[in-house]
C-alpha atoms as a PDB file:
ATOM      1  CA  SER A   1      -6.369 -29.071  29.634  1.00  0.00           C
ATOM      2  CA  ALA A   2      -7.763 -32.254  27.288  1.00  0.00           C
ATOM      3  CA  GLU A   3      -5.371 -34.743  28.707  1.00  0.00           C
ATOM      4  CA  GLU A   4      -5.918 -34.231  32.446  1.00  0.00           C
ATOM      5  CA  THR A   5      -9.610 -34.195  31.690  1.00  0.00           C
ATOM      6  CA  GLY A   6     -10.301 -36.978  28.846  1.00  0.00           C
ATOM      7  CA  GLY A   7     -11.960 -33.612  27.153  1.00  0.00           C
ATOM      8  CA  ALA A   8     -11.919 -32.384  23.949  1.00  0.00           C
ATOM      9  CA  ALA A   9     -12.576 -29.171  22.473  1.00  0.00           C
ATOM     10  CA  LEU A  10     -15.211 -27.997  19.881  1.00  0.00           C
ATOM     11  CA  TYR A  11     -14.100 -25.763  16.991  1.00  0.00           C
ATOM     12  CA  TRP A  12     -16.954 -24.182  15.252  1.00  0.00           C
ATOM     13  CA  ILE A  13     -16.377 -23.001  11.917  1.00  0.00           C
ATOM     14  CA  HIS A  14     -18.956 -23.202   9.250  1.00  0.00           C
ATOM     15  CA  ASP A  15     -20.142 -20.944   6.036  1.00  0.00           C
ATOM     16  CA  GLN A  16     -23.069 -18.994   7.185  1.00  0.00           C
ATOM     17  CA  PRO A  17     -22.075 -14.985   6.684  1.00  0.00           C
ATOM     18  CA  LEU A  18     -21.203 -16.605   3.035  1.00  0.00           C
ATOM     19  CA  MET A  19     -24.420 -17.764   3.024  1.00  0.00           C
ATOM     20  CA  GLU A  20     -26.046 -14.727   4.233  1.00  0.00           C
ATOM     21  CA  TYR A  21     -23.850 -12.612   2.027  1.00  0.00           C
ATOM     22  CA  LEU A  22     -24.838 -14.341  -0.573  1.00  0.00           C
ATOM     23  CA  GLY A  23     -28.678 -14.299   0.521  1.00  0.00           C
ATOM     24  CA  VAL A  24     -29.047 -18.062  -0.414  1.00  0.00           C
ATOM     25  CA  ASN A  25     -29.875 -21.047   1.460  1.00  0.00           C
ATOM     26  CA  PRO A  26     -27.840 -24.514   1.160  1.00  0.00           C
ATOM     27  CA  CYS A  27     -30.127 -27.019  -1.353  1.00  0.00           C
ATOM     28  CA  THR A  28     -27.966 -29.310  -1.801  1.00  0.00           C
ATOM     29  CA  ARG A  29     -25.759 -31.667   0.314  1.00  0.00           C
ATOM     30  CA  LYS A  30     -21.989 -31.425  -0.818  1.00  0.00           C
ATOM     31  CA  PHE A  31     -20.438 -33.411   1.741  1.00  0.00           C
ATOM     32  CA  GLU A  32     -20.946 -35.673   4.159  1.00  0.00           C
ATOM     33  CA  PRO A  33     -19.384 -35.475   8.024  1.00  0.00           C
ATOM     34  CA  THR A  34     -15.918 -36.555   7.845  1.00  0.00           C
ATOM     35  CA  ILE A  35     -13.746 -37.672  10.942  1.00  0.00           C
ATOM     36  CA  PHE A  36      -9.826 -37.099  11.034  1.00  0.00           C
ATOM     37  CA  LYS A  37      -8.584 -39.263  14.334  1.00  0.00           C
ATOM     38  CA  ARG A  38      -5.683 -37.703  16.554  1.00  0.00           C
ATOM     39  CA  ALA A  39      -3.962 -40.652  16.597  1.00  0.00           C
ATOM     40  CA  ASP A  40      -4.182 -40.853  12.406  1.00  0.00           C
ATOM     41  CA  MET A  41      -2.732 -37.579  11.974  1.00  0.00           C
ATOM     42  CA  LEU A  42       0.066 -37.623  14.179  1.00  0.00           C
ATOM     43  CA  LYS A  43       0.938 -40.996  12.426  1.00  0.00           C
ATOM     44  CA  HIS A  44       0.883 -39.194   9.199  1.00  0.00           C
ATOM     45  CA  VAL A  45       3.210 -36.130  10.484  1.00  0.00           C
ATOM     46  CA  GLU A  46       5.593 -38.554  12.098  1.00  0.00           C
ATOM     47  CA  ALA A  47       5.715 -40.193   8.901  1.00  0.00           C
ATOM     48  CA  ILE A  48       6.600 -37.121   6.706  1.00  0.00           C
ATOM     49  CA  SER A  49       9.320 -36.310   9.634  1.00  0.00           C
ATOM     50  CA  HIS A  50      11.471 -39.074   8.207  1.00  0.00           C
ATOM     51  CA  LYS A  51      11.479 -38.278   4.604  1.00  0.00           C
ATOM     52  CA  GLU A  52      14.209 -37.031   2.908  1.00  0.00           C
ATOM     53  CA  GLY A  53      14.208 -33.228   1.622  1.00  0.00           C
ATOM     54  CA  HIS A  54      11.193 -32.148   4.049  1.00  0.00           C
ATOM     55  CA  SER A  55      10.929 -29.260   5.834  1.00  0.00           C
ATOM     56  CA  THR A  56      12.918 -28.363   8.275  1.00  0.00           C
ATOM     57  CA  ASN A  57      10.369 -25.355   9.818  1.00  0.00           C
ATOM     58  CA  ARG A  58       6.815 -26.789   9.228  1.00  0.00           C
ATOM     59  CA  LEU A  59       5.339 -30.288   9.396  1.00  0.00           C
ATOM     60  CA  GLY A  60       1.825 -30.837   8.520  1.00  0.00           C
ATOM     61  CA  VAL A  61      -0.398 -33.014   6.956  1.00  0.00           C
ATOM     62  CA  LEU A  62      -4.161 -31.303   5.366  1.00  0.00           C
ATOM     63  CA  LEU A  63      -7.461 -32.661   5.957  1.00  0.00           C
ATOM     64  CA  GLY A  64      -9.088 -33.576   3.189  1.00  0.00           C
ATOM     65  CA  ASN A  65     -13.036 -34.672   1.551  1.00  0.00           C
ATOM     66  CA  ALA A  66     -13.726 -37.234  -0.984  1.00  0.00           C
ATOM     67  CA  LYS A  67     -15.730 -35.375  -2.353  1.00  0.00           C
ATOM     68  CA  CYS A  68     -13.587 -32.274  -2.695  1.00  0.00           C
ATOM     69  CA  GLU A  69     -11.308 -33.773  -5.407  1.00  0.00           C
ATOM     70  CA  GLN A  70     -10.944 -30.256  -6.948  1.00  0.00           C
ATOM     71  CA  THR A  71      -9.890 -28.570  -4.489  1.00  0.00           C
ATOM     72  CA  LYS A  72      -8.623 -30.908  -2.172  1.00  0.00           C
ATOM     73  CA  THR A  73      -9.926 -29.765   0.472  1.00  0.00           C
ATOM     74  CA  LEU A  74     -12.392 -30.251   3.955  1.00  0.00           C
ATOM     75  CA  THR A  75     -14.992 -28.984   2.187  1.00  0.00           C
ATOM     76  CA  HIS A  76     -15.673 -27.428  -0.803  1.00  0.00           C
ATOM     77  CA  VAL A  77     -15.152 -23.567   1.371  1.00  0.00           C
ATOM     78  CA  LEU A  78     -12.950 -24.614   3.937  1.00  0.00           C
ATOM     79  CA  TRP A  79      -9.381 -25.846   4.379  1.00  0.00           C
ATOM     80  CA  SER A  80      -7.573 -26.991   7.330  1.00  0.00           C
ATOM     81  CA  LEU A  81      -4.127 -27.930   8.038  1.00  0.00           C
ATOM     82  CA  LEU A  82      -2.528 -29.643  11.466  1.00  0.00           C
ATOM     83  CA  ASN A  83       0.380 -28.194  11.776  1.00  0.00           C
ATOM     84  CA  SER A  84       3.618 -28.061  13.602  1.00  0.00           C
ATOM     85  CA  ILE A  85       6.727 -26.458  13.969  1.00  0.00           C
ATOM     86  CA  PRO A  86      10.110 -28.066  15.602  1.00  0.00           C
ATOM     87  CA  GLY A  87      11.087 -26.146  19.090  1.00  0.00           C
ATOM     88  CA  ASN A  88      13.191 -23.103  18.297  1.00  0.00           C
ATOM     89  CA  THR A  89      12.910 -22.605  14.134  1.00  0.00           C
ATOM     90  CA  VAL A  90      10.996 -19.945  12.031  1.00  0.00           C
ATOM     91  CA  GLN A  91       8.649 -20.576   9.782  1.00  0.00           C
ATOM     92  CA  ARG A  92       9.423 -17.771   7.363  1.00  0.00           C
ATOM     93  CA  PRO A  93       6.694 -15.046   6.162  1.00  0.00           C
ATOM     94  CA  HIS A  94       3.892 -16.167   3.892  1.00  0.00           C
ATOM     95  CA  ARG A  95       0.471 -15.010   2.428  1.00  0.00           C
ATOM     96  CA  HIS A  96      -2.633 -15.904   0.745  1.00  0.00           C
ATOM     97  CA  ASN A  97      -5.746 -14.699   0.366  1.00  0.00           C
ATOM     98  CA  SER A  98      -7.699 -16.274   2.294  1.00  0.00           C
ATOM     99  CA  VAL A  99      -8.588 -15.807   5.860  1.00  0.00           C
ATOM    100  CA  ALA A 100      -7.423 -17.664   8.210  1.00  0.00           C
ATOM    101  CA  LEU A 101      -9.135 -18.745  11.822  1.00  0.00           C
ATOM    102  CA  ASP A 102      -5.944 -20.282  13.853  1.00  0.00           C
ATOM    103  CA  LEU A 103      -6.552 -22.482  16.769  1.00  0.00           C
ATOM    104  CA  CYS A 104      -3.543 -22.779  19.262  1.00  0.00           C
ATOM    105  CA  VAL A 105      -3.778 -26.597  20.065  1.00  0.00           C
ATOM    106  CA  SER A 106      -0.384 -27.208  22.351  1.00  0.00           C
ATOM    107  CA  ALA A 107       1.960 -24.246  22.887  1.00  0.00           C
ATOM    108  CA  LYS A 108       4.652 -23.584  25.350  1.00  0.00           C
ATOM    109  CA  PRO A 109       5.676 -19.575  26.323  1.00  0.00           C
ATOM    110  CA  GLY A 110       7.824 -18.178  23.471  1.00  0.00           C
ATOM    111  CA  VAL A 111       5.482 -19.289  20.691  1.00  0.00           C
ATOM    112  CA  TYR A 112       4.248 -16.635  18.032  1.00  0.00           C
ATOM    113  CA  THR A 113       3.138 -15.212  14.899  1.00  0.00           C
ATOM    114  CA  LEU A 114       3.902 -11.920  13.595  1.00  0.00           C
ATOM    115  CA  MET A 115       1.775 -10.512  10.992  1.00  0.00           C
ATOM    116  CA  GLY A 116       2.020  -7.444   8.475  1.00  0.00           C
ATOM    117  CA  LYS A 117       1.063  -5.869   4.931  1.00  0.00           C
ATOM    118  CA  GLU A 118       4.307  -5.118   3.601  1.00  0.00           C
ATOM    119  CA  ILE A 119       7.944  -6.520   3.908  1.00  0.00           C
ATOM    120  CA  ASP A 120      10.974  -5.412   4.005  1.00  0.00           C
ATOM    121  CA  GLN A 121      14.419  -6.347   1.410  1.00  0.00           C
ATOM    122  CA  ASP A 122      15.225  -9.164   3.658  1.00  0.00           C
ATOM    123  CA  GLY A 123      12.076 -10.400   3.672  1.00  0.00           C
ATOM    124  CA  PHE A 124      11.093  -9.530   7.147  1.00  0.00           C
ATOM    125  CA  ILE A 125       7.479  -7.833   8.395  1.00  0.00           C
ATOM    126  CA  ILE A 126       7.301  -4.080   8.524  1.00  0.00           C
ATOM    127  CA  ASN A 127       5.884  -3.161  11.868  1.00  0.00           C
ATOM    128  CA  PRO A 128       4.153  -6.117  12.761  1.00  0.00           C
ATOM    129  CA  ILE A 129       1.629  -7.379  14.933  1.00  0.00           C
ATOM    130  CA  ARG A 130       2.736  -9.795  17.298  1.00  0.00           C
ATOM    131  CA  CYS A 131      -0.131 -12.761  18.716  1.00  0.00           C
ATOM    132  CA  GLU A 132       1.176 -15.132  21.512  1.00  0.00           C
ATOM    133  CA  TRP A 133      -0.019 -18.437  20.982  1.00  0.00           C
ATOM    134  CA  ILE A 134      -2.147 -19.240  24.270  1.00  0.00           C
ATOM    135  CA  PRO A 135      -3.110 -23.561  23.934  1.00  0.00           C
ATOM    136  CA  GLY A 136      -7.164 -23.067  22.952  1.00  0.00           C
ATOM    137  CA  GLY A 137      -6.712 -19.740  21.828  1.00  0.00           C
ATOM    138  CA  VAL A 138      -7.545 -18.467  18.760  1.00  0.00           C
ATOM    139  CA  PHE A 139      -6.179 -15.534  16.759  1.00  0.00           C
ATOM    140  CA  ILE A 140      -6.679 -14.552  12.634  1.00  0.00           C
ATOM    141  CA  THR A 141      -4.666 -14.003   9.641  1.00  0.00           C
ATOM    142  CA  PRO A 142      -6.381 -11.155   7.574  1.00  0.00           C
ATOM    143  CA  PRO A 143      -6.198 -11.546   4.022  1.00  0.00           C
ATOM    144  CA  GLY A 144      -3.237 -11.204   1.943  1.00  0.00           C
ATOM    145  CA  TRP A 145      -1.487 -10.354   5.198  1.00  0.00           C
ATOM    146  CA  TRP A 146       2.020 -11.549   5.411  1.00  0.00           C
ATOM    147  CA  HIS A 147       2.746 -13.834   8.549  1.00  0.00           C
ATOM    148  CA  SER A 148       5.417 -15.562   9.617  1.00  0.00           C
ATOM    149  CA  HIS A 149       5.641 -18.149  12.880  1.00  0.00           C
ATOM    150  CA  HIS A 150       8.378 -18.271  15.636  1.00  0.00           C
ATOM    151  CA  ASN A 151       9.114 -20.930  18.317  1.00  0.00           C
ATOM    152  CA  GLU A 152      11.320 -20.218  20.720  1.00  0.00           C
ATOM    153  CA  SER A 153      10.699 -22.786  22.958  1.00  0.00           C
ATOM    154  CA  ASP A 154      11.818 -26.194  23.081  1.00  0.00           C
ATOM    155  CA  ASP A 155       8.983 -28.289  22.604  1.00  0.00           C
ATOM    156  CA  ILE A 156       6.655 -29.065  19.332  1.00  0.00           C
ATOM    157  CA  ALA A 157       3.974 -26.182  18.501  1.00  0.00           C
ATOM    158  CA  TRP A 158       0.575 -27.205  17.309  1.00  0.00           C
ATOM    159  CA  VAL A 159      -2.008 -25.468  15.501  1.00  0.00           C
ATOM    160  CA  LEU A 160      -4.817 -25.553  13.330  1.00  0.00           C
ATOM    161  CA  PRO A 161      -6.015 -23.465  10.935  1.00  0.00           C
ATOM    162  CA  ILE A 162      -9.055 -23.171   9.001  1.00  0.00           C
ATOM    163  CA  GLN A 163      -9.484 -21.184   6.137  1.00  0.00           C
ATOM    164  CA  ASP A 164     -11.599 -20.607   3.349  1.00  0.00           C
ATOM    165  CA  ALA A 165      -9.346 -21.528   0.944  1.00  0.00           C
ATOM    166  CA  GLY A 166     -11.339 -24.506  -0.768  1.00  0.00           C
ATOM    167  CA  LEU A 167     -13.562 -21.154  -2.227  1.00  0.00           C
ATOM    168  CA  TYR A 168     -10.443 -19.060  -3.217  1.00  0.00           C
ATOM    169  CA  THR A 169      -9.037 -22.806  -4.472  1.00  0.00           C
ATOM    170  CA  HIS A 170     -11.849 -23.187  -6.759  1.00  0.00           C
ATOM    171  CA  GLN A 171     -11.556 -19.709  -8.568  1.00  0.00           C
ATOM    172  CA  ARG A 172      -7.802 -19.841  -8.845  1.00  0.00           C
ATOM    173  CA  THR A 173      -7.081 -16.758  -6.601  1.00  0.00           C
ATOM    174  CA  LEU A 174      -6.034 -18.438  -3.570  1.00  0.00           C
ATOM    175  CA  ASP A 175      -2.495 -16.571  -4.936  1.00  0.00           C
ATOM    176  CA  ILE A 176      -0.316 -18.403  -2.005  1.00  0.00           C
ATOM    177  CA  ARG A 177       3.181 -17.061  -2.007  1.00  0.00           C
ATOM    178  CA  PHE A 178       6.652 -17.506  -0.043  1.00  0.00           C
ATOM    179  CA  VAL A 179       8.661 -14.546   0.852  1.00  0.00           C
ATOM    180  CA  ASP A 180      11.816 -16.375  -0.111  1.00  0.00           C
ATOM    181  CA  ASP A 181      10.341 -17.312  -3.708  1.00  0.00           C
ATOM    182  CA  GLU A 182       9.175 -13.624  -4.245  1.00  0.00           C
ATOM    183  CA  LEU A 183      12.740 -12.311  -3.382  1.00  0.00           C
ATOM    184  CA  GLU A 184      14.716 -14.332  -5.493  1.00  0.00           C
ATOM    185  CA  LEU A 185      11.898 -13.157  -8.664  1.00  0.00           C
ATOM    186  CA  HIS A 186      12.854  -9.877  -7.559  1.00  0.00           C
ATOM    187  CA  ALA A 187      15.877 -10.243  -7.392  1.00  0.00           C
ATOM    188  CA  SER A 188      16.026 -11.154 -11.020  1.00  0.00           C
ATOM    189  CA  GLY A 189      13.930  -8.422 -12.095  1.00  0.00           C
ATOM    190  CA  ARG A 190      10.405 -10.163 -12.465  1.00  0.00           C
ATOM    191  CA  ILE A 191       7.262  -9.718 -10.376  1.00  0.00           C
ATOM    192  CA  ARG A 192       4.219 -11.708 -11.194  1.00  0.00           C
ATOM    193  CA  GLY A 193       0.667 -10.408 -10.983  1.00  0.00           C
ATOM    194  CA  THR A 194      -0.475 -13.702  -9.514  1.00  0.00           C
ATOM    195  CA  ALA A 195       0.844 -17.079  -8.560  1.00  0.00           C
ATOM    196  CA  PHE A 196      -1.921 -19.351 -10.415  1.00  0.00           C
ATOM    197  CA  ALA A 197      -0.488 -20.895 -13.556  1.00  0.00           C
ATOM    198  CA  VAL A 198      -2.416 -22.942 -16.381  1.00  0.00           C
ATOM    199  CA  ALA A 199      -0.803 -26.276 -16.647  1.00  0.00           C
ATOM    200  CA  ASP A 200      -0.312 -26.928 -20.396  1.00  0.00           C
ATOM    201  CA  ARG A 201      -3.030 -30.116 -19.997  1.00  0.00           C
ATOM    202  CA  GLN A 202      -5.524 -27.723 -19.344  1.00  0.00           C
ATOM    203  CA  TYR A 203      -4.455 -25.172 -21.860  1.00  0.00           C
ATOM    204  CA  MET A 204      -4.648 -27.827 -24.667  1.00  0.00           C
ATOM    205  CA  GLU A 205      -7.953 -28.770 -23.034  1.00  0.00           C
ATOM    206  CA  MET A 206      -9.374 -25.442 -23.786  1.00  0.00           C
ATOM    207  CA  LYS A 207      -8.213 -25.797 -27.171  1.00  0.00           C
ATOM    208  CA  SER A 208     -10.057 -28.802 -27.651  1.00  0.00           C
ATOM    209  CA  LEU A 209     -13.384 -26.778 -26.951  1.00  0.00           C
ATOM    210  CA  GLY A 210     -12.741 -24.686 -29.369  1.00  0.00           C
ATOM    211  CA  ALA A 211     -10.783 -21.915 -27.887  1.00  0.00           C
ATOM    212  CA  MET A 212      -7.904 -20.275 -30.472  1.00  0.00           C
ATOM    213  CA  PRO A 213      -4.881 -18.796 -30.006  1.00  0.00           C
ATOM    214  CA  ALA A 214      -4.871 -14.705 -29.779  1.00  0.00           C
ATOM    215  CA  GLN A 215      -2.286 -14.500 -32.919  1.00  0.00           C
ATOM    216  CA  LYS A 216      -4.721 -16.916 -34.874  1.00  0.00           C
ATOM    217  CA  ALA A 217      -7.728 -15.604 -34.018  1.00  0.00           C
ATOM    218  CA  ARG A 218      -6.380 -11.996 -35.051  1.00  0.00           C
ATOM    219  CA  PHE A 219      -8.021 -10.162 -31.839  1.00  0.00           C
ATOM    220  CA  LYS A 220      -6.971  -6.288 -31.400  1.00  0.00           C
ATOM    221  CA  ARG A 221      -5.545  -5.198 -28.327  1.00  0.00           C
ATOM    222  CA  VAL A 222      -7.527  -2.715 -26.926  1.00  0.00           C
ATOM    223  CA  MET A 223      -5.296  -0.897 -23.502  1.00  0.00           C
ATOM    224  CA  SER A 224      -6.139   2.063 -21.810  1.00  0.00           C
ATOM    225  CA  THR A 225      -4.093   3.075 -18.454  1.00  0.00           C
ATOM    226  CA  GLU A 226      -3.917   5.633 -15.773  1.00  0.00           C
ATOM    227  CA  CYS A 227      -1.038   6.086 -13.446  1.00  0.00           C
ATOM    228  CA  LEU A 228       0.305   8.974 -11.370  1.00  0.00           C
ATOM    229  CA  LEU A 229       3.777  10.090 -11.793  1.00  0.00           C
ATOM    230  CA  SER A 230       4.707  12.461  -9.056  1.00  0.00           C
ATOM    231  CA  ASP A 231       1.761  15.026  -9.169  1.00  0.00           C
ATOM    232  CA  LYS A 232       0.786  14.908 -12.842  1.00  0.00           C
ATOM    233  CA  ARG A 233      -1.743  12.137 -14.231  1.00  0.00           C
ATOM    234  CA  VAL A 234      -0.473  10.561 -17.750  1.00  0.00           C
ATOM    235  CA  LYS A 235      -2.520   8.701 -19.817  1.00  0.00           C
ATOM    236  CA  SER A 236      -2.198   6.511 -22.618  1.00  0.00           C
ATOM    237  CA  THR A 237      -3.981   4.628 -25.346  1.00  0.00           C
ATOM    238  CA  GLN A 238      -2.650   1.818 -27.020  1.00  0.00           C
ATOM    239  CA  ILE A 239      -4.628  -0.156 -29.944  1.00  0.00           C
ATOM    240  CA  GLY A 240      -3.627  -2.279 -32.405  1.00  0.00           C
ATOM    241  CA  ASN A 241      -3.402  -6.216 -34.076  1.00  0.00           C
ATOM    242  CA  LEU A 242      -1.419  -8.455 -32.337  1.00  0.00           C
ATOM    243  CA  LYS A 243       1.422  -9.485 -34.453  1.00  0.00           C
END
């Protein structure tokens, strides 16, 4: 281990797959190499643990770069969090549209992640895949999948996920959700389309650039939807002025 040998592991995550997909080459230097020292990160996590009202099942520190002021991420594409899960705790299911490459930094037997596409009415993952945490090992959390972290040991477990959440945050499509928030919404009869919200300040800035509310602009609304009800396809079209 690193403690025994004084060594370190190189966990190399980069944007090459995205560049190849887009058919482009980097032409602008977007950020400078940044060092996050172990002692500094642990110091911040320790400080958070003593703050009143902090999470009882997750303690971590986001790794940000001053060059990424808008997204507050590691780079303009990548996001990272040094996350700890105290012994004998469970981090309830959550999901996000970014893919996560999770490096297990430290964990004793009995630490694992459950993941799956659906949750039941009590907020538990249906037919989950179980990934055991092995120090130095990596597992993938697919985009959009619900996942929960479990620590059944007596010691703190540490994980370092790397996600393409910087890109999603820039596009306002990260859509991170926590299961208990979603259950509360469903219980009140509400289902939201996205977790992203435009702040009043942003709306006012749009207005100052010449944007006009739909009612004032008298835009026409044209809606066409198709839905499948039992074995019949029902098509509806609505055209009319907004009132």
